[in-house]
């Protein structure tokens, strides 16, 4: 594997995970009741707990996205 393939890999990982993050955020912002009803069928949790969990998972996903996709991609662009 050469540096160009690794750079392309991280580019596509960043694009795909960025789109997932944006999609997840849009769903939570515009249809929170639908998301809660859908998830509460499988996991019966109170609404306040659900909101806290979703907010925490969004934050965790954003941190993982930055550290494991975007930062390595930017570093590869710098050294290329």
N, C-alpha and C. Protein backbone atom coordinates (compact mmCIF):
# COMPACT_ATOMS: atom_id res chain seq x y z
N UNK A 1 0.84 -1.18 0.00
CA UNK A 1 0.00 0.00 0.00
C UNK A 1 0.88 1.24 0.00
N UNK A 2 0.60 2.15 -0.88
CA UNK A 2 1.39 3.37 -0.90
C UNK A 2 0.63 4.51 -0.21
N UNK A 3 1.29 5.65 -0.08
CA UNK A 3 0.71 6.76 0.67
C UNK A 3 -0.53 7.32 -0.03
N UNK A 4 -0.58 7.23 -1.35
CA UNK A 4 -1.76 7.73 -2.08
C UNK A 4 -2.99 6.89 -1.76
N UNK A 5 -2.83 5.58 -1.70
CA UNK A 5 -3.95 4.70 -1.37
C UNK A 5 -4.43 4.94 0.06
N UNK A 6 -3.52 5.13 0.97
CA UNK A 6 -3.89 5.40 2.36
C UNK A 6 -4.62 6.74 2.47
N UNK A 7 -4.13 7.74 1.74
CA UNK A 7 -4.78 9.05 1.74
C UNK A 7 -6.20 8.94 1.17
N UNK A 8 -6.35 8.21 0.08
CA UNK A 8 -7.67 8.02 -0.51
C UNK A 8 -8.60 7.28 0.46
N UNK A 9 -8.06 6.27 1.14
CA UNK A 9 -8.85 5.53 2.12
C UNK A 9 -9.37 6.46 3.21
N UNK A 10 -8.50 7.28 3.78
CA UNK A 10 -8.94 8.18 4.85
C UNK A 10 -9.86 9.27 4.32
N UNK A 11 -9.68 9.68 3.07
CA UNK A 11 -10.59 10.65 2.48
C UNK A 11 -12.01 10.08 2.42
N UNK A 12 -12.14 8.85 1.89
CA UNK A 12 -13.47 8.25 1.78
C UNK A 12 -14.05 7.91 3.14
N UNK A 13 -13.22 7.50 4.08
CA UNK A 13 -13.72 7.26 5.44
C UNK A 13 -14.27 8.55 6.04
N UNK A 14 -13.56 9.66 5.81
CA UNK A 14 -14.00 10.95 6.34
C UNK A 14 -15.31 11.39 5.68
N UNK A 15 -15.41 11.19 4.39
CA UNK A 15 -16.64 11.58 3.68
C UNK A 15 -17.83 10.76 4.17
N UNK A 16 -17.67 9.45 4.23
CA UNK A 16 -18.77 8.57 4.63
C UNK A 16 -19.17 8.83 6.08
N UNK A 17 -18.20 8.90 6.99
CA UNK A 17 -18.53 9.13 8.39
C UNK A 17 -19.05 10.54 8.63
N UNK A 18 -18.57 11.52 7.87
CA UNK A 18 -19.10 12.87 7.97
C UNK A 18 -20.56 12.92 7.54
N UNK A 19 -20.88 12.22 6.46
CA UNK A 19 -22.28 12.16 6.01
C UNK A 19 -23.17 11.46 7.02
N UNK A 20 -22.68 10.38 7.61
CA UNK A 20 -23.45 9.70 8.65
C UNK A 20 -23.70 10.61 9.85
N UNK A 21 -22.68 11.36 10.25
CA UNK A 21 -22.81 12.28 11.38
C UNK A 21 -23.84 13.37 11.06
N UNK A 22 -23.76 13.93 9.87
CA UNK A 22 -24.72 14.98 9.49
C UNK A 22 -26.13 14.42 9.41
N UNK A 23 -26.29 13.24 8.82
CA UNK A 23 -27.60 12.61 8.73
C UNK A 23 -28.19 12.33 10.11
N UNK A 24 -27.38 11.78 11.00
CA UNK A 24 -27.81 11.48 12.36
C UNK A 24 -28.22 12.77 13.08
N UNK A 25 -27.44 13.82 12.92
CA UNK A 25 -27.75 15.10 13.56
C UNK A 25 -29.06 15.68 13.01
N UNK A 26 -29.27 15.59 11.71
CA UNK A 26 -30.50 16.11 11.11
C UNK A 26 -31.71 15.34 11.63
N UNK A 27 -31.59 14.02 11.71
CA UNK A 27 -32.70 13.23 12.26
C UNK A 27 -33.01 13.64 13.69
N UNK A 28 -31.99 13.82 14.50
CA UNK A 28 -32.20 14.19 15.90
C UNK A 28 -32.78 15.60 16.02
N UNK A 29 -32.37 16.51 15.14
CA UNK A 29 -32.86 17.89 15.21
C UNK A 29 -34.30 18.03 14.73
N UNK A 30 -34.65 17.37 13.63
CA UNK A 30 -35.93 17.62 13.00
C UNK A 30 -37.01 16.57 13.29
N UNK A 31 -36.62 15.36 13.68
CA UNK A 31 -37.62 14.33 13.98
C UNK A 31 -37.28 13.60 15.29
N UNK A 32 -37.11 14.34 16.39
CA UNK A 32 -36.72 13.66 17.63
C UNK A 32 -37.78 12.70 18.15
N UNK A 33 -39.06 13.03 17.97
CA UNK A 33 -40.12 12.14 18.44
C UNK A 33 -40.14 10.82 17.67
N UNK A 34 -39.95 10.90 16.35
CA UNK A 34 -39.90 9.69 15.53
C UNK A 34 -38.74 8.79 15.95
N UNK A 35 -37.57 9.39 16.17
CA UNK A 35 -36.40 8.62 16.59
C UNK A 35 -36.64 7.98 17.95
N UNK A 36 -37.23 8.74 18.86
CA UNK A 36 -37.50 8.19 20.20
C UNK A 36 -38.51 7.05 20.13
N UNK A 37 -39.60 7.23 19.38
CA UNK A 37 -40.59 6.16 19.27
C UNK A 37 -40.00 4.90 18.65
N UNK A 38 -39.18 5.07 17.62
CA UNK A 38 -38.57 3.93 16.95
C UNK A 38 -37.64 3.18 17.91
N UNK A 39 -36.80 3.91 18.61
CA UNK A 39 -35.84 3.27 19.50
C UNK A 39 -36.48 2.73 20.78
N UNK A 40 -37.53 3.38 21.25
CA UNK A 40 -38.15 2.93 22.50
C UNK A 40 -38.90 1.62 22.33
N UNK A 41 -39.14 1.21 21.11
CA UNK A 41 -39.73 -0.12 20.89
C UNK A 41 -38.77 -1.22 21.31
N UNK A 42 -37.48 -1.00 21.09
CA UNK A 42 -36.48 -2.01 21.42
C UNK A 42 -35.87 -1.79 22.80
N UNK A 43 -35.69 -0.52 23.17
CA UNK A 43 -35.04 -0.19 24.44
C UNK A 43 -35.92 0.77 25.22
N UNK A 44 -36.70 0.25 26.15
CA UNK A 44 -37.61 1.14 26.90
C UNK A 44 -36.84 2.00 27.92
N UNK A 45 -36.57 3.24 27.55
CA UNK A 45 -35.91 4.20 28.44
C UNK A 45 -36.75 5.47 28.49
N UNK A 46 -36.70 6.18 29.60
CA UNK A 46 -37.42 7.46 29.67
C UNK A 46 -36.88 8.47 28.66
N UNK A 47 -37.71 9.41 28.28
CA UNK A 47 -37.34 10.37 27.24
C UNK A 47 -36.12 11.20 27.63
N UNK A 48 -36.05 11.64 28.88
CA UNK A 48 -34.92 12.47 29.32
C UNK A 48 -33.61 11.67 29.24
N UNK A 49 -33.64 10.42 29.61
CA UNK A 49 -32.46 9.56 29.53
C UNK A 49 -32.08 9.34 28.07
N UNK A 50 -33.07 9.12 27.23
CA UNK A 50 -32.83 8.92 25.81
C UNK A 50 -32.14 10.14 25.20
N UNK A 51 -32.65 11.34 25.51
CA UNK A 51 -32.05 12.56 24.97
C UNK A 51 -30.60 12.70 25.42
N UNK A 52 -30.33 12.39 26.68
CA UNK A 52 -28.96 12.46 27.18
C UNK A 52 -28.06 11.46 26.49
N UNK A 53 -28.55 10.24 26.31
CA UNK A 53 -27.76 9.21 25.63
C UNK A 53 -27.47 9.58 24.18
N UNK A 54 -28.47 10.06 23.47
CA UNK A 54 -28.26 10.43 22.06
C UNK A 54 -27.25 11.56 21.96
N UNK A 55 -27.38 12.56 22.83
CA UNK A 55 -26.43 13.68 22.81
C UNK A 55 -25.01 13.18 23.11
N UNK A 56 -24.89 12.27 24.07
CA UNK A 56 -23.58 11.71 24.40
C UNK A 56 -22.99 10.90 23.26
N UNK A 57 -23.83 10.09 22.61
CA UNK A 57 -23.35 9.29 21.48
C UNK A 57 -22.95 10.17 20.30
N UNK A 58 -23.69 11.26 20.07
CA UNK A 58 -23.29 12.18 19.00
C UNK A 58 -21.93 12.80 19.30
N UNK A 59 -21.72 13.19 20.54
CA UNK A 59 -20.43 13.75 20.92
C UNK A 59 -19.30 12.74 20.80
N UNK A 60 -19.54 11.52 21.23
CA UNK A 60 -18.54 10.46 21.12
C UNK A 60 -18.23 10.14 19.66
N UNK A 61 -19.26 10.07 18.84
CA UNK A 61 -19.06 9.82 17.40
C UNK A 61 -18.24 10.93 16.78
N UNK A 62 -18.52 12.18 17.16
CA UNK A 62 -17.78 13.32 16.61
C UNK A 62 -16.31 13.25 17.02
N UNK A 63 -16.03 12.90 18.26
CA UNK A 63 -14.64 12.78 18.71
C UNK A 63 -13.92 11.67 17.94
N UNK A 64 -14.56 10.50 17.83
CA UNK A 64 -13.95 9.40 17.08
C UNK A 64 -13.76 9.77 15.62
N UNK A 65 -14.73 10.45 15.03
CA UNK A 65 -14.63 10.88 13.64
C UNK A 65 -13.43 11.81 13.45
N UNK A 66 -13.27 12.75 14.35
CA UNK A 66 -12.15 13.69 14.23
C UNK A 66 -10.81 13.00 14.40
N UNK A 67 -10.68 12.18 15.44
CA UNK A 67 -9.39 11.60 15.76
C UNK A 67 -8.99 10.41 14.88
N UNK A 68 -9.95 9.66 14.40
CA UNK A 68 -9.61 8.46 13.64
C UNK A 68 -9.84 8.57 12.13
N UNK A 69 -10.48 9.65 11.68
CA UNK A 69 -10.69 9.82 10.25
C UNK A 69 -10.12 11.14 9.75
N UNK A 70 -10.58 12.23 10.29
CA UNK A 70 -10.24 13.53 9.73
C UNK A 70 -8.80 13.95 10.02
N UNK A 71 -8.33 13.78 11.24
CA UNK A 71 -6.96 14.18 11.57
C UNK A 71 -5.93 13.34 10.81
N UNK A 72 -6.07 12.01 10.72
CA UNK A 72 -5.10 11.27 9.90
C UNK A 72 -5.13 11.68 8.42
N UNK A 73 -6.32 11.97 7.92
CA UNK A 73 -6.42 12.42 6.52
C UNK A 73 -5.70 13.75 6.33
N UNK A 74 -5.92 14.69 7.23
CA UNK A 74 -5.23 15.98 7.12
C UNK A 74 -3.72 15.83 7.27
N UNK A 75 -3.28 14.95 8.17
CA UNK A 75 -1.85 14.72 8.34
C UNK A 75 -1.23 14.13 7.07
N UNK A 76 -1.94 13.22 6.44
CA UNK A 76 -1.43 12.65 5.18
C UNK A 76 -1.38 13.69 4.07
N UNK A 77 -2.34 14.58 4.05
CA UNK A 77 -2.31 15.66 3.06
C UNK A 77 -1.12 16.58 3.29
N UNK A 78 -0.78 16.82 4.54
CA UNK A 78 0.34 17.71 4.86
C UNK A 78 1.68 17.08 4.43
N UNK A 79 1.85 15.77 4.69
CA UNK A 79 3.15 15.16 4.40
C UNK A 79 3.29 14.75 2.93
N UNK A 80 2.23 14.77 2.19
CA UNK A 80 2.26 14.36 0.79
C UNK A 80 2.99 15.33 -0.07
